[in-house]
Amino acid sequence: MAADFDKLKGRIQALRAKTVDNGCTEEEAISAAAKVAELLDRHDLSLSDVELRAALCERIVFQTGRKKRIPLESCVGAIAHFCDCRVWREKLPNGEVGYVFFGLRPDVTVAHYLADMIDNTVRTELGRYKTSPAYLKFRHNDRALANSSFAFGMIASIADKLMAMKDARDAANRGGGRELVIVKAATVDTELAKLGLTLRRASGGRRMVSPDAFEAGSAAGDAMAITAGIAAD
């Protein structure tokens, strides 16, 4: 299992070098998500149910570097679902907001990578949007709302895609005769209960958006098809 995880981690680091470190479009982000999903599924399918149940759970924190919630918060639930782990928001010792992913080591590693990649992608695309004629039409006082609306639209688009990809993966894995999701969920829930945490579902609340900016953020994602994963080694 350790050797398999080292290989998985190496592949994730290679993907990260192509996406997070260099910036990427939403299409590239979704393609990378498909690739790591296939890597995860290969890893899980190589393990027996006994090995999965015996695997240790870990937590990994995505540090936002902000003391307020960021647009990514609307996507962390989809990321956790996509990676078969749990997630919650907590205030870090430095007062900043962090998102804690909890689950099997490969799953939380991928979840952290996806969170980093998606956050980076939104920032990159927002920078491009700010140079567009549509954005420049906004009055100066309205641009902060346009920024948040665009980011929220993109995040919502990516979250929807992750959920759809997860449904497709689960359906494919059920075809193999094993309920990997059930086994993993039972393992994670058992370990989570040992932490003695009291978690509550956060209220979504109302969000004011600029319809034009929101649509600009989601349109590109809505128009793209989800690409297939990577070929086997």
Protein backbone atom coordinates (compact mmCIF):
# COMPACT_ATOMS: atom_id res chain seq x y z
CA MET A 1 0.00 0.00 0.00
CA ALA A 2 2.85 2.38 0.80
CA ALA A 3 4.48 1.77 -2.58
CA ASP A 4 1.17 2.30 -4.37
CA PHE A 5 0.59 5.53 -2.49
CA ASP A 6 4.08 6.81 -3.30
CA LYS A 7 3.38 6.20 -6.97
CA LEU A 8 0.01 7.92 -6.72
CA LYS A 9 1.54 10.87 -4.92
CA GLY A 10 4.23 11.17 -7.57
CA ARG A 11 1.62 11.32 -10.31
CA ILE A 12 -0.32 13.96 -8.41
CA GLN A 13 2.82 16.06 -8.00
CA ALA A 14 3.44 15.81 -11.74
CA LEU A 15 -0.10 16.98 -12.44
CA ARG A 16 0.32 19.78 -9.93
CA ALA A 17 3.39 21.02 -11.75
CA LYS A 18 1.32 21.32 -14.92
CA THR A 19 -1.69 22.98 -13.33
CA VAL A 20 -1.46 24.60 -9.91
CA ASP A 21 2.07 25.91 -10.26
CA ASN A 22 1.59 27.29 -13.76
CA GLY A 23 -2.04 28.33 -13.72
CA CYS A 24 -4.65 26.58 -15.82
CA THR A 25 -7.99 27.06 -17.48
CA GLU A 26 -11.20 25.52 -16.13
CA GLU A 27 -11.06 22.95 -18.93
CA GLU A 28 -7.57 21.91 -17.84
CA ALA A 29 -8.71 21.81 -14.21
CA ILE A 30 -11.60 19.49 -15.02
CA SER A 31 -9.33 17.30 -17.15
CA ALA A 32 -6.83 17.06 -14.28
CA ALA A 33 -9.66 16.15 -11.91
CA ALA A 34 -10.64 13.32 -14.24
CA LYS A 35 -7.06 12.10 -14.24
CA VAL A 36 -6.67 12.02 -10.48
CA ALA A 37 -10.07 10.33 -10.20
CA GLU A 38 -8.84 7.51 -12.37
CA LEU A 39 -5.66 7.26 -10.31
CA LEU A 40 -7.71 7.03 -7.13
CA ASP A 41 -9.97 4.35 -8.54
CA ARG A 42 -7.04 2.28 -9.75
CA HIS A 43 -5.48 2.53 -6.30
CA ASP A 44 -8.67 1.50 -4.52
CA LEU A 45 -9.43 -1.37 -6.86
CA SER A 46 -5.97 -2.78 -6.22
CA LEU A 47 -6.78 -3.15 -2.51
CA SER A 48 -8.93 -5.75 -0.81
CA ASP A 49 -11.85 -4.76 1.42
CA VAL A 50 -9.80 -5.89 4.41
CA GLU A 51 -6.95 -3.58 3.44
CA LEU A 52 -9.34 -0.68 2.91
CA ARG A 53 -10.91 -1.18 6.33
CA ALA A 54 -7.47 -1.40 7.94
CA ALA A 55 -6.21 1.79 6.29
CA LEU A 56 -5.58 4.74 8.58
CA CYS A 57 -7.39 8.04 8.17
CA GLU A 58 -5.60 11.36 8.15
CA ARG A 59 -6.50 15.03 8.09
CA ILE A 60 -4.98 17.62 5.83
CA VAL A 61 -5.73 21.33 5.96
CA PHE A 62 -6.14 23.59 2.97
CA GLN A 63 -4.96 26.98 4.18
CA THR A 64 -6.76 29.86 2.49
CA GLY A 65 -4.45 32.61 3.69
CA ARG A 66 -7.58 34.66 4.42
CA LYS A 67 -9.51 35.47 7.58
CA LYS A 68 -12.81 35.45 5.68
CA ARG A 69 -14.46 32.73 3.67
CA ILE A 70 -13.37 32.48 0.05
CA PRO A 71 -15.36 31.40 -3.05
CA LEU A 72 -13.82 27.93 -2.83
CA GLU A 73 -16.04 27.22 0.17
CA SER A 74 -18.92 26.62 -2.24
CA CYS A 75 -16.91 23.78 -3.78
CA VAL A 76 -15.19 22.03 -0.85
CA GLY A 77 -18.22 19.81 -0.23
CA ALA A 78 -18.14 18.62 -3.84
CA ILE A 79 -14.38 18.04 -3.59
CA ALA A 80 -14.80 15.95 -0.44
CA HIS A 81 -17.62 13.95 -2.03
CA PHE A 82 -15.54 13.43 -5.16
CA CYS A 83 -12.68 12.07 -3.02
CA ASP A 84 -14.76 9.99 -0.57
CA CYS A 85 -13.68 12.03 2.43
CA ARG A 86 -15.20 14.51 4.87
CA VAL A 87 -14.55 18.24 5.12
CA TRP A 88 -15.21 21.01 7.59
CA ARG A 89 -14.23 24.62 8.05
CA GLU A 90 -12.30 25.74 11.08
CA LYS A 91 -10.42 28.78 12.27
CA LEU A 92 -6.68 28.16 12.34
CA PRO A 93 -4.39 29.31 15.18
CA ASN A 94 -3.35 32.34 13.11
CA GLY A 95 -6.99 33.42 12.78
CA GLU A 96 -7.25 32.42 9.14
CA VAL A 97 -9.91 30.15 7.66
CA GLY A 98 -8.92 26.58 6.82
CA TYR A 99 -10.77 23.65 5.26
CA VAL A 100 -9.97 20.30 6.84
CA PHE A 101 -10.24 17.19 4.67
CA PHE A 102 -10.45 13.92 6.62
CA GLY A 103 -10.24 10.45 5.12
CA LEU A 104 -7.88 7.83 3.75
CA ARG A 105 -4.46 9.18 2.92
CA PRO A 106 -4.73 8.97 -0.89
CA ASP A 107 -8.16 10.61 -0.79
CA VAL A 108 -7.21 13.60 1.34
CA THR A 109 -4.02 14.05 -0.70
CA VAL A 110 -6.08 14.32 -3.87
CA ALA A 111 -8.69 16.51 -2.17
CA HIS A 112 -6.01 19.00 -1.12
CA TYR A 113 -4.55 18.99 -4.62
CA LEU A 114 -7.98 19.62 -6.18
CA ALA A 115 -8.74 22.44 -3.73
CA ASP A 116 -5.42 24.08 -4.53
CA MET A 117 -5.91 23.62 -8.26
CA ILE A 118 -9.49 24.91 -8.32
CA ASP A 119 -8.67 27.92 -6.16
CA ASN A 120 -5.75 28.74 -8.44
CA THR A 121 -7.88 28.24 -11.56
CA VAL A 122 -10.57 30.63 -10.36
CA ARG A 123 -7.99 33.28 -9.56
CA THR A 124 -6.37 32.85 -12.98
CA GLU A 125 -9.65 33.03 -14.87
CA LEU A 126 -10.80 36.02 -12.81
CA GLY A 127 -7.64 37.82 -13.83
CA ARG A 128 -8.46 37.15 -17.48
CA TYR A 129 -12.05 38.27 -16.99
CA LYS A 130 -10.89 41.59 -15.55
CA THR A 131 -9.31 42.43 -18.92
CA SER A 132 -12.44 41.62 -20.92
CA PRO A 133 -14.70 44.27 -22.51
CA ALA A 134 -17.66 42.91 -20.53
CA TYR A 135 -15.89 43.52 -17.22
CA LEU A 136 -14.69 46.98 -18.19
CA LYS A 137 -18.31 48.02 -18.70
CA PHE A 138 -18.92 47.74 -14.96
CA ARG A 139 -18.70 50.95 -13.00
CA HIS A 140 -15.79 51.10 -10.59
CA ASN A 141 -18.06 50.78 -7.56
CA ASP A 142 -19.68 47.65 -9.00
CA ARG A 143 -16.50 45.75 -9.79
CA ALA A 144 -16.09 44.12 -6.38
CA LEU A 145 -19.52 42.53 -6.81
CA ALA A 146 -18.62 41.53 -10.36
CA ASN A 147 -15.45 39.83 -9.11
CA SER A 148 -17.24 37.77 -6.46
CA SER A 149 -20.09 36.92 -8.84
CA PHE A 150 -17.72 35.66 -11.52
CA ALA A 151 -15.81 33.53 -9.00
CA PHE A 152 -19.02 32.11 -7.56
CA GLY A 153 -20.32 31.27 -11.03
CA MET A 154 -17.13 29.41 -11.90
CA ILE A 155 -17.01 27.59 -8.57
CA ALA A 156 -20.63 26.48 -8.98
CA SER A 157 -19.86 25.17 -12.46
CA ILE A 158 -16.85 23.18 -11.28
CA ALA A 159 -18.76 21.79 -8.28
CA ASP A 160 -21.56 20.56 -10.56
CA LYS A 161 -19.02 18.82 -12.79
CA LEU A 162 -17.31 17.12 -9.86
CA MET A 163 -20.65 15.80 -8.62
CA ALA A 164 -21.52 14.48 -12.09
CA MET A 165 -18.09 12.87 -12.47
CA LYS A 166 -18.44 11.25 -9.06
CA ASP A 167 -21.83 9.76 -9.97
CA ALA A 168 -20.34 8.33 -13.17
CA ARG A 169 -17.36 6.86 -11.30
CA ASP A 170 -19.55 5.22 -8.68
CA ALA A 171 -21.77 3.71 -11.35
CA ALA A 172 -18.75 2.30 -13.17
CA ASN A 173 -17.24 0.87 -10.00
CA ARG A 174 -20.51 -0.79 -9.02
CA GLY A 175 -20.34 -2.56 -12.33
CA GLY A 176 -17.19 -4.26 -11.06
CA GLY A 177 -19.12 -5.97 -8.28
CA ARG A 178 -17.57 -4.08 -5.36
CA GLU A 179 -19.14 -1.30 -3.32
CA LEU A 180 -15.94 0.63 -2.73
CA VAL A 181 -17.80 3.73 -1.66
CA ILE A 182 -19.66 1.89 1.10
CA VAL A 183 -16.51 0.27 2.47
CA LYS A 184 -14.57 3.53 2.44
CA ALA A 185 -17.43 5.54 3.94
CA ALA A 186 -17.75 3.09 6.83
CA THR A 187 -14.03 3.31 7.52
CA VAL A 188 -13.95 7.11 7.44
CA ASP A 189 -17.09 7.50 9.56
CA THR A 190 -15.72 5.12 12.20
CA GLU A 191 -12.45 7.03 12.45
CA LEU A 192 -14.22 10.39 12.40
CA ALA A 193 -16.41 9.36 15.34
CA LYS A 194 -13.25 8.70 17.37
CA LEU A 195 -12.30 12.37 17.08
CA GLY A 196 -15.31 13.38 19.16
CA LEU A 197 -16.01 16.44 17.03
CA THR A 198 -19.32 18.26 16.98
CA LEU A 199 -19.93 19.28 13.39
CA ARG A 200 -22.89 21.22 12.08
CA ARG A 201 -24.02 21.99 8.58
CA ALA A 202 -23.26 25.59 7.69
CA SER A 203 -26.06 27.76 6.43
CA GLY A 204 -25.67 28.83 2.84
CA GLY A 205 -27.36 32.18 3.40
CA ARG A 206 -28.27 34.58 0.64
CA ARG A 207 -25.72 35.83 -1.83
CA MET A 208 -25.97 39.00 -3.88
CA VAL A 209 -24.60 38.52 -7.38
CA SER A 210 -24.28 40.35 -10.63
CA PRO A 211 -26.18 38.15 -13.13
CA ASP A 212 -23.91 39.10 -16.04
CA ALA A 213 -20.70 38.36 -14.13
CA PHE A 214 -22.12 35.14 -12.69
CA GLU A 215 -23.09 33.93 -16.15
CA ALA A 216 -19.64 34.83 -17.45
CA GLY A 217 -18.09 32.68 -14.75
CA SER A 218 -20.30 29.67 -15.42
CA ALA A 219 -20.74 29.85 -19.20
CA ALA A 220 -17.35 28.44 -20.15
CA GLY A 221 -17.80 25.48 -17.81
CA ASP A 222 -21.35 24.81 -19.00
CA ALA A 223 -20.15 24.61 -22.59
CA MET A 224 -17.34 22.13 -21.94
CA ALA A 225 -17.51 18.36 -22.03
CA ILE A 226 -15.78 16.37 -19.31
CA THR A 227 -12.77 14.64 -20.77
CA ALA A 228 -11.75 11.06 -20.13
CA GLY A 229 -9.01 10.05 -17.74
CA ILE A 230 -5.47 9.02 -18.52
CA ALA A 231 -4.35 5.85 -20.18
CA ALA A 232 -2.94 3.01 -18.13
CA ASP A 233 0.79 2.76 -17.69
